[in-house]
Amino acid sequence: MTIAENLRSTDSSLGEPVSEYTQVQRRIVSPAIGVEELKYHLFSPQRAHHPLLEQAYEVWRDGWHATLRELDGSGPVHSDEFARQDEIGVLSVGKSCVSVTGVRWLDLSLARAREDSYFVHWPKEALAALGSSFVCITSNTIVHPEWRRTVVAPPGGTSAPSTKLAFATIALSVRRFLASSADSIIALTRNDRAMGRAAVELGATKLGQIYLHGVETDVIVVPRADAKPHGAIVDHLWARRRQG
């Protein structure tokens, strides 16, 4: 990627700026990891007492605190947003958490589900479009800063394509949804990030659009019939998942 930077470099022999504007060639190489080095865990935050879950909370807390501060300067995040999830999906390398996402289930035939605080920013017509269905909510996804550009290589001996760690994190939530009795999976995806494109690739339909923390955000749904969490990498991680 070429960028123009206003650099005041100095030639040591002349003591003068070499150029006010210098074209800097910079190639960003994404780190890669084999899928065999990753493990996928599903924890119940109300019941599990596992060091990896506590580490996942810290990754989630620090990541969202930094994100919200950058977006609109909003205050600290609170642990109950993490603990209220029915399940926490964690990708790990060894004993280290590299990504986190939350999963919840709501029966929209119940008033207490339709009036959940998750829907406070939703357009009324988007919520109405879900009817009285049973839905899976995926939210709170965060990738550890040191792993955000990581590409995951497929299982050895296969010719499948590599995929981004962030995409694998989201796709695994869709796999979890397909293993449930829910009718669809719903989420909010920021348009200034690749999450929206990943959602479309996984079968999402746009229900509406809002501004959340000052950022254009899509309200999306993935109906069961449209879900496409395919691929050797996701299959490998899901087949070897650990639940606790």
C-alpha atoms as a PDB file:
ATOM      1  CA  MET A   1       0.000   0.000   0.000  1.00  0.00           C
ATOM      2  CA  THR A   2       1.381   3.426  -1.015  1.00  0.00           C
ATOM      3  CA  ILE A   3       0.847   6.355   1.311  1.00  0.00           C
ATOM      4  CA  ALA A   4       2.025   9.926   1.122  1.00  0.00           C
ATOM      5  CA  GLU A   5       3.510  11.040   4.386  1.00  0.00           C
ATOM      6  CA  ASN A   6       4.766  14.498   5.250  1.00  0.00           C
ATOM      7  CA  LEU A   7       8.235  13.361   6.337  1.00  0.00           C
ATOM      8  CA  ARG A   8      11.006  15.831   7.056  1.00  0.00           C
ATOM      9  CA  SER A   9      13.952  13.516   6.537  1.00  0.00           C
ATOM     10  CA  THR A  10      17.349  15.175   6.738  1.00  0.00           C
ATOM     11  CA  ASP A  11      20.363  14.414   4.537  1.00  0.00           C
ATOM     12  CA  SER A  12      23.305  14.229   6.971  1.00  0.00           C
ATOM     13  CA  SER A  13      25.714  15.847   4.520  1.00  0.00           C
ATOM     14  CA  LEU A  14      23.548  18.857   3.657  1.00  0.00           C
ATOM     15  CA  GLY A  15      21.460  19.323   6.770  1.00  0.00           C
ATOM     16  CA  GLU A  16      18.420  20.000   4.543  1.00  0.00           C
ATOM     17  CA  PRO A  17      15.129  18.180   4.124  1.00  0.00           C
ATOM     18  CA  VAL A  18      15.480  15.548   1.395  1.00  0.00           C
ATOM     19  CA  SER A  19      11.795  15.865   0.470  1.00  0.00           C
ATOM     20  CA  GLU A  20       8.715  17.378   2.017  1.00  0.00           C
ATOM     21  CA  TYR A  21       6.594  14.548   0.619  1.00  0.00           C
ATOM     22  CA  THR A  22       8.081  11.099   0.361  1.00  0.00           C
ATOM     23  CA  GLN A  23       6.352   8.120  -1.225  1.00  0.00           C
ATOM     24  CA  VAL A  24       6.698   5.240   1.225  1.00  0.00           C
ATOM     25  CA  GLN A  25       6.160   1.709  -0.039  1.00  0.00           C
ATOM     26  CA  ARG A  26       4.798  -0.468   2.754  1.00  0.00           C
ATOM     27  CA  ARG A  27       3.686  -4.059   2.426  1.00  0.00           C
ATOM     28  CA  ILE A  28       1.728  -5.504   5.322  1.00  0.00           C
ATOM     29  CA  VAL A  29       2.146  -9.241   5.678  1.00  0.00           C
ATOM     30  CA  SER A  30      -0.502 -11.024   7.719  1.00  0.00           C
ATOM     31  CA  PRO A  31       0.768 -13.632  10.185  1.00  0.00           C
ATOM     32  CA  ALA A  32      -0.417 -17.194   9.563  1.00  0.00           C
ATOM     33  CA  ILE A  33      -1.229 -20.084  11.864  1.00  0.00           C
ATOM     34  CA  GLY A  34      -2.212 -23.666  11.178  1.00  0.00           C
ATOM     35  CA  VAL A  35      -5.751 -24.622  12.169  1.00  0.00           C
ATOM     36  CA  GLU A  36      -4.328 -27.534  14.189  1.00  0.00           C
ATOM     37  CA  GLU A  37      -2.845 -24.987  16.608  1.00  0.00           C
ATOM     38  CA  LEU A  38      -6.275 -23.504  17.394  1.00  0.00           C
ATOM     39  CA  LYS A  39      -8.937 -24.829  19.764  1.00  0.00           C
ATOM     40  CA  TYR A  40     -12.582 -23.780  19.953  1.00  0.00           C
ATOM     41  CA  HIS A  41     -14.274 -23.701  23.360  1.00  0.00           C
ATOM     42  CA  LEU A  42     -17.880 -23.061  24.376  1.00  0.00           C
ATOM     43  CA  PHE A  43     -18.252 -21.936  27.980  1.00  0.00           C
ATOM     44  CA  SER A  44     -21.297 -21.196  30.104  1.00  0.00           C
ATOM     45  CA  PRO A  45     -20.225 -18.011  31.953  1.00  0.00           C
ATOM     46  CA  GLN A  46     -22.705 -18.727  34.772  1.00  0.00           C
ATOM     47  CA  ARG A  47     -21.235 -22.149  35.518  1.00  0.00           C
ATOM     48  CA  ALA A  48     -17.702 -22.479  34.183  1.00  0.00           C
ATOM     49  CA  HIS A  49     -14.659 -21.772  36.349  1.00  0.00           C
ATOM     50  CA  HIS A  50     -11.831 -22.078  33.865  1.00  0.00           C
ATOM     51  CA  PRO A  51      -8.696 -19.894  33.571  1.00  0.00           C
ATOM     52  CA  LEU A  52      -9.272 -19.511  29.827  1.00  0.00           C
ATOM     53  CA  LEU A  53     -12.744 -18.091  30.404  1.00  0.00           C
ATOM     54  CA  GLU A  54     -11.345 -15.521  32.825  1.00  0.00           C
ATOM     55  CA  GLN A  55      -8.715 -14.610  30.258  1.00  0.00           C
ATOM     56  CA  ALA A  56     -11.439 -14.359  27.600  1.00  0.00           C
ATOM     57  CA  TYR A  57     -13.271 -11.887  29.830  1.00  0.00           C
ATOM     58  CA  GLU A  58     -10.148  -9.727  30.077  1.00  0.00           C
ATOM     59  CA  VAL A  59      -9.657  -9.783  26.293  1.00  0.00           C
ATOM     60  CA  TRP A  60     -13.328  -8.842  25.864  1.00  0.00           C
ATOM     61  CA  ARG A  61     -13.212  -6.109  28.538  1.00  0.00           C
ATOM     62  CA  ASP A  62     -10.014  -4.474  27.331  1.00  0.00           C
ATOM     63  CA  GLY A  63     -10.920  -4.795  23.659  1.00  0.00           C
ATOM     64  CA  TRP A  64     -14.375  -3.250  23.960  1.00  0.00           C
ATOM     65  CA  HIS A  65     -13.199  -0.553  26.352  1.00  0.00           C
ATOM     66  CA  ALA A  66     -10.602   0.531  23.770  1.00  0.00           C
ATOM     67  CA  THR A  67     -13.104   0.307  20.901  1.00  0.00           C
ATOM     68  CA  LEU A  68     -15.821   2.369  22.596  1.00  0.00           C
ATOM     69  CA  ARG A  69     -13.333   4.964  23.792  1.00  0.00           C
ATOM     70  CA  GLU A  70     -12.110   5.330  20.203  1.00  0.00           C
ATOM     71  CA  LEU A  71     -15.605   5.535  18.705  1.00  0.00           C
ATOM     72  CA  ASP A  72     -17.366   7.979  20.992  1.00  0.00           C
ATOM     73  CA  GLY A  73     -15.466   8.193  24.264  1.00  0.00           C
ATOM     74  CA  SER A  74     -18.107   6.215  26.139  1.00  0.00           C
ATOM     75  CA  GLY A  75     -17.336   4.861  29.578  1.00  0.00           C
ATOM     76  CA  PRO A  76     -16.091   1.491  30.783  1.00  0.00           C
ATOM     77  CA  VAL A  77     -17.824  -1.760  29.911  1.00  0.00           C
ATOM     78  CA  HIS A  78     -19.383  -3.785  32.716  1.00  0.00           C
ATOM     79  CA  SER A  79     -18.966  -7.475  33.373  1.00  0.00           C
ATOM     80  CA  ASP A  80     -22.696  -8.241  33.347  1.00  0.00           C
ATOM     81  CA  GLU A  81     -22.781  -7.754  29.557  1.00  0.00           C
ATOM     82  CA  PHE A  82     -20.294 -10.650  29.357  1.00  0.00           C
ATOM     83  CA  ALA A  83     -21.864 -12.757  32.107  1.00  0.00           C
ATOM     84  CA  ARG A  84     -25.425 -12.461  30.727  1.00  0.00           C
ATOM     85  CA  GLN A  85     -24.459 -14.419  27.624  1.00  0.00           C
ATOM     86  CA  ASP A  86     -25.713 -18.004  27.528  1.00  0.00           C
ATOM     87  CA  GLU A  87     -22.431 -19.133  26.015  1.00  0.00           C
ATOM     88  CA  ILE A  88     -19.037 -17.634  25.323  1.00  0.00           C
ATOM     89  CA  GLY A  89     -17.184 -18.916  22.278  1.00  0.00           C
ATOM     90  CA  VAL A  90     -13.403 -18.751  22.637  1.00  0.00           C
ATOM     91  CA  LEU A  91     -10.657 -19.498  20.140  1.00  0.00           C
ATOM     92  CA  SER A  92      -7.350 -20.219  21.822  1.00  0.00           C
ATOM     93  CA  VAL A  93      -3.760 -20.992  20.982  1.00  0.00           C
ATOM     94  CA  GLY A  94      -2.266 -23.035  23.797  1.00  0.00           C
ATOM     95  CA  LYS A  95      -3.450 -21.359  26.995  1.00  0.00           C
ATOM     96  CA  SER A  96      -3.992 -17.963  25.364  1.00  0.00           C
ATOM     97  CA  CYS A  97      -7.324 -16.519  24.210  1.00  0.00           C
ATOM     98  CA  VAL A  98      -7.170 -15.032  20.706  1.00  0.00           C
ATOM     99  CA  SER A  99     -10.859 -14.232  20.074  1.00  0.00           C
ATOM    100  CA  VAL A 100     -14.168 -14.093  21.917  1.00  0.00           C
ATOM    101  CA  THR A 101     -17.830 -13.963  20.945  1.00  0.00           C
ATOM    102  CA  GLY A 102     -21.083 -14.146  22.885  1.00  0.00           C
ATOM    103  CA  VAL A 103     -24.131 -16.296  22.105  1.00  0.00           C
ATOM    104  CA  ARG A 104     -27.651 -15.886  23.521  1.00  0.00           C
ATOM    105  CA  TRP A 105     -31.032 -17.451  22.815  1.00  0.00           C
ATOM    106  CA  LEU A 106     -34.362 -15.622  22.892  1.00  0.00           C
ATOM    107  CA  ASP A 107     -37.896 -16.880  22.320  1.00  0.00           C
ATOM    108  CA  LEU A 108     -39.589 -13.890  20.698  1.00  0.00           C
ATOM    109  CA  SER A 109     -43.037 -15.268  21.423  1.00  0.00           C
ATOM    110  CA  LEU A 110     -42.410 -13.952  24.960  1.00  0.00           C
ATOM    111  CA  ALA A 111     -42.747 -10.274  25.884  1.00  0.00           C
ATOM    112  CA  ARG A 112     -39.709 -10.461  28.144  1.00  0.00           C
ATOM    113  CA  ALA A 113     -37.617 -11.512  25.134  1.00  0.00           C
ATOM    114  CA  ARG A 114     -39.019  -8.908  22.716  1.00  0.00           C
ATOM    115  CA  GLU A 115     -38.386  -6.221  25.353  1.00  0.00           C
ATOM    116  CA  ASP A 116     -34.780  -7.273  25.977  1.00  0.00           C
ATOM    117  CA  SER A 117     -32.324  -4.356  26.088  1.00  0.00           C
ATOM    118  CA  TYR A 118     -30.489  -5.840  23.094  1.00  0.00           C
ATOM    119  CA  PHE A 119     -33.279  -4.506  20.858  1.00  0.00           C
ATOM    120  CA  VAL A 120     -33.311  -0.957  22.246  1.00  0.00           C
ATOM    121  CA  HIS A 121     -31.580   0.451  19.121  1.00  0.00           C
ATOM    122  CA  TRP A 122     -33.371  -1.766  16.602  1.00  0.00           C
ATOM    123  CA  PRO A 123     -35.896  -0.271  14.162  1.00  0.00           C
ATOM    124  CA  LYS A 124     -39.375  -1.501  15.128  1.00  0.00           C
ATOM    125  CA  GLU A 125     -39.944  -2.976  11.676  1.00  0.00           C
ATOM    126  CA  ALA A 126     -36.735  -5.038  11.925  1.00  0.00           C
ATOM    127  CA  LEU A 127     -37.844  -6.635  15.173  1.00  0.00           C
ATOM    128  CA  ALA A 128     -41.353  -7.150  13.789  1.00  0.00           C
ATOM    129  CA  ALA A 129     -39.870  -9.001  10.798  1.00  0.00           C
ATOM    130  CA  LEU A 130     -38.631 -11.730  13.161  1.00  0.00           C
ATOM    131  CA  GLY A 131     -42.163 -12.431  14.359  1.00  0.00           C
ATOM    132  CA  SER A 132     -42.442 -14.848  17.275  1.00  0.00           C
ATOM    133  CA  SER A 133     -39.464 -16.951  16.209  1.00  0.00           C
ATOM    134  CA  PHE A 134     -36.739 -18.487  18.366  1.00  0.00           C
ATOM    135  CA  VAL A 135     -33.496 -16.639  17.651  1.00  0.00           C
ATOM    136  CA  CYS A 136     -29.810 -16.935  18.374  1.00  0.00           C
ATOM    137  CA  ILE A 137     -27.994 -13.651  19.047  1.00  0.00           C
ATOM    138  CA  THR A 138     -24.288 -13.419  18.365  1.00  0.00           C
ATOM    139  CA  SER A 139     -22.609 -10.310  19.764  1.00  0.00           C
ATOM    140  CA  ASN A 140     -19.637  -8.891  21.642  1.00  0.00           C
ATOM    141  CA  THR A 141     -17.167 -10.372  19.145  1.00  0.00           C
ATOM    142  CA  ILE A 142     -13.597  -9.227  19.695  1.00  0.00           C
ATOM    143  CA  VAL A 143     -10.250 -10.445  18.392  1.00  0.00           C
ATOM    144  CA  HIS A 144      -7.145  -9.923  20.520  1.00  0.00           C
ATOM    145  CA  PRO A 145      -5.205  -6.955  19.036  1.00  0.00           C
ATOM    146  CA  GLU A 146      -2.109  -9.082  18.433  1.00  0.00           C
ATOM    147  CA  TRP A 147      -4.134 -11.567  16.343  1.00  0.00           C
ATOM    148  CA  ARG A 148      -6.383  -9.272  14.284  1.00  0.00           C
ATOM    149  CA  ARG A 149      -4.630  -9.765  10.958  1.00  0.00           C
ATOM    150  CA  THR A 150      -3.996 -13.474  11.434  1.00  0.00           C
ATOM    151  CA  VAL A 151      -4.802 -15.891   8.619  1.00  0.00           C
ATOM    152  CA  VAL A 152      -5.656 -19.505   9.468  1.00  0.00           C
ATOM    153  CA  ALA A 153      -4.237 -22.227   7.216  1.00  0.00           C
ATOM    154  CA  PRO A 154      -6.400 -25.300   6.473  1.00  0.00           C
ATOM    155  CA  PRO A 155      -5.769 -28.791   7.862  1.00  0.00           C
ATOM    156  CA  GLY A 156      -2.647 -30.457   6.538  1.00  0.00           C
ATOM    157  CA  GLY A 157      -3.189 -32.552   3.440  1.00  0.00           C
ATOM    158  CA  THR A 158      -6.128 -30.496   2.164  1.00  0.00           C
ATOM    159  CA  SER A 159      -6.253 -27.980  -0.662  1.00  0.00           C
ATOM    160  CA  ALA A 160      -8.877 -25.804   1.029  1.00  0.00           C
ATOM    161  CA  PRO A 161      -8.287 -22.039   1.114  1.00  0.00           C
ATOM    162  CA  SER A 162      -7.027 -20.181   4.158  1.00  0.00           C
ATOM    163  CA  THR A 163      -9.355 -17.822   6.016  1.00  0.00           C
ATOM    164  CA  LYS A 164      -9.057 -14.897   8.388  1.00  0.00           C
ATOM    165  CA  LEU A 165      -9.211 -15.603  12.104  1.00  0.00           C
ATOM    166  CA  ALA A 166     -12.006 -13.042  12.522  1.00  0.00           C
ATOM    167  CA  PHE A 167     -14.109 -14.795   9.867  1.00  0.00           C
ATOM    168  CA  ALA A 168     -13.576 -18.184  11.513  1.00  0.00           C
ATOM    169  CA  THR A 169     -14.717 -16.694  14.846  1.00  0.00           C
ATOM    170  CA  ILE A 170     -17.995 -15.490  13.337  1.00  0.00           C
ATOM    171  CA  ALA A 171     -18.543 -18.642  11.273  1.00  0.00           C
ATOM    172  CA  LEU A 172     -18.233 -20.802  14.383  1.00  0.00           C
ATOM    173  CA  SER A 173     -21.128 -18.901  15.962  1.00  0.00           C
ATOM    174  CA  VAL A 174     -23.204 -19.751  12.901  1.00  0.00           C
ATOM    175  CA  ARG A 175     -22.225 -23.395  13.313  1.00  0.00           C
ATOM    176  CA  ARG A 176     -23.346 -23.216  16.933  1.00  0.00           C
ATOM    177  CA  PHE A 177     -26.671 -21.777  15.803  1.00  0.00           C
ATOM    178  CA  LEU A 178     -27.169 -24.620  13.295  1.00  0.00           C
ATOM    179  CA  ALA A 179     -26.627 -27.147  16.087  1.00  0.00           C
ATOM    180  CA  SER A 180     -29.527 -25.568  18.019  1.00  0.00           C
ATOM    181  CA  SER A 181     -33.275 -25.438  17.421  1.00  0.00           C
ATOM    182  CA  ALA A 182     -33.271 -21.684  16.685  1.00  0.00           C
ATOM    183  CA  ASP A 183     -34.924 -20.386  13.511  1.00  0.00           C
ATOM    184  CA  SER A 184     -32.313 -17.758  12.732  1.00  0.00           C
ATOM    185  CA  ILE A 185     -29.236 -15.983  14.015  1.00  0.00           C
ATOM    186  CA  ILE A 186     -29.230 -12.185  14.379  1.00  0.00           C
ATOM    187  CA  ALA A 187     -26.493  -9.613  14.870  1.00  0.00           C
ATOM    188  CA  LEU A 188     -25.400  -5.998  14.455  1.00  0.00           C
ATOM    189  CA  THR A 189     -22.478  -5.441  12.074  1.00  0.00           C
ATOM    190  CA  ARG A 190     -20.412  -2.264  11.743  1.00  0.00           C
ATOM    191  CA  ASN A 191     -20.078  -1.023   8.167  1.00  0.00           C
ATOM    192  CA  ASP A 192     -16.606   0.410   8.751  1.00  0.00           C
ATOM    193  CA  ARG A 193     -15.230  -3.078   9.347  1.00  0.00           C
ATOM    194  CA  ALA A 194     -15.216  -6.353   7.408  1.00  0.00           C
ATOM    195  CA  MET A 195     -17.866  -7.887   9.685  1.00  0.00           C
ATOM    196  CA  GLY A 196     -20.674  -6.922   7.305  1.00  0.00           C
ATOM    197  CA  ARG A 197     -19.017  -8.600   4.336  1.00  0.00           C
ATOM    198  CA  ALA A 198     -18.378 -11.701   6.433  1.00  0.00           C
ATOM    199  CA  ALA A 199     -22.040 -11.798   7.464  1.00  0.00           C
ATOM    200  CA  VAL A 200     -23.187 -11.675   3.823  1.00  0.00           C
ATOM    201  CA  GLU A 201     -20.787 -14.479   2.971  1.00  0.00           C
ATOM    202  CA  LEU A 202     -22.355 -16.524   5.777  1.00  0.00           C
ATOM    203  CA  GLY A 203     -25.864 -16.014   4.400  1.00  0.00           C
ATOM    204  CA  ALA A 204     -27.065 -12.805   6.055  1.00  0.00           C
ATOM    205  CA  THR A 205     -30.001 -10.633   4.998  1.00  0.00           C
ATOM    206  CA  LYS A 206     -30.179  -6.969   6.002  1.00  0.00           C
ATOM    207  CA  LEU A 207     -33.242  -6.046   8.088  1.00  0.00           C
ATOM    208  CA  GLY A 208     -32.379  -2.409   8.714  1.00  0.00           C
ATOM    209  CA  GLN A 209     -29.668   0.120   9.432  1.00  0.00           C
ATOM    210  CA  ILE A 210     -28.872   2.188  12.513  1.00  0.00           C
ATOM    211  CA  TYR A 211     -26.101   4.361  13.906  1.00  0.00           C
ATOM    212  CA  LEU A 212     -24.475   2.838  16.950  1.00  0.00           C
ATOM    213  CA  HIS A 213     -21.723   4.744  18.768  1.00  0.00           C
ATOM    214  CA  GLY A 214     -21.680   7.057  15.747  1.00  0.00           C
ATOM    215  CA  VAL A 215     -20.998   4.254  13.270  1.00  0.00           C
ATOM    216  CA  GLU A 216     -23.293   3.060  10.484  1.00  0.00           C
ATOM    217  CA  THR A 217     -24.403  -0.424  11.524  1.00  0.00           C
ATOM    218  CA  ASP A 218     -26.518  -3.049   9.777  1.00  0.00           C
ATOM    219  CA  VAL A 219     -29.183  -5.121  11.528  1.00  0.00           C
ATOM    220  CA  ILE A 220     -28.828  -8.576   9.976  1.00  0.00           C
ATOM    221  CA  VAL A 221     -30.450 -11.994  10.148  1.00  0.00           C
ATOM    222  CA  VAL A 222     -29.236 -15.359   8.882  1.00  0.00           C
ATOM    223  CA  PRO A 223     -32.211 -17.702   8.398  1.00  0.00           C
ATOM    224  CA  ARG A 224     -31.455 -21.367   8.922  1.00  0.00           C
ATOM    225  CA  ALA A 225     -32.060 -22.180   5.254  1.00  0.00           C
ATOM    226  CA  ASP A 226     -29.542 -19.535   4.128  1.00  0.00           C
ATOM    227  CA  ALA A 227     -26.709 -20.231   6.600  1.00  0.00           C
ATOM    228  CA  LYS A 228     -23.424 -21.106   4.890  1.00  0.00           C
ATOM    229  CA  PRO A 229     -20.691 -21.666   7.512  1.00  0.00           C
ATOM    230  CA  HIS A 230     -18.859 -24.037   5.191  1.00  0.00           C
ATOM    231  CA  GLY A 231     -15.160 -24.734   4.885  1.00  0.00           C
ATOM    232  CA  ALA A 232     -12.515 -27.177   6.056  1.00  0.00           C
ATOM    233  CA  ILE A 233     -11.190 -24.798   8.730  1.00  0.00           C
ATOM    234  CA  VAL A 234     -14.539 -24.216  10.433  1.00  0.00           C
ATOM    235  CA  ASP A 235     -15.398 -27.914  10.090  1.00  0.00           C
ATOM    236  CA  HIS A 236     -12.100 -28.877  11.741  1.00  0.00           C
ATOM    237  CA  LEU A 237     -12.557 -26.483  14.687  1.00  0.00           C
ATOM    238  CA  TRP A 238     -16.200 -27.382  15.235  1.00  0.00           C
ATOM    239  CA  ALA A 239     -15.572 -31.136  15.152  1.00  0.00           C
ATOM    240  CA  ARG A 240     -12.917 -30.744  17.882  1.00  0.00           C
ATOM    241  CA  ARG A 241     -14.751 -28.188  20.013  1.00  0.00           C
ATOM    242  CA  ARG A 242     -14.589 -28.326  23.803  1.00  0.00           C
ATOM    243  CA  GLN A 243     -17.523 -27.466  26.038  1.00  0.00           C
ATOM    244  CA  GLY A 244     -17.363 -26.487  29.653  1.00  0.00           C
END
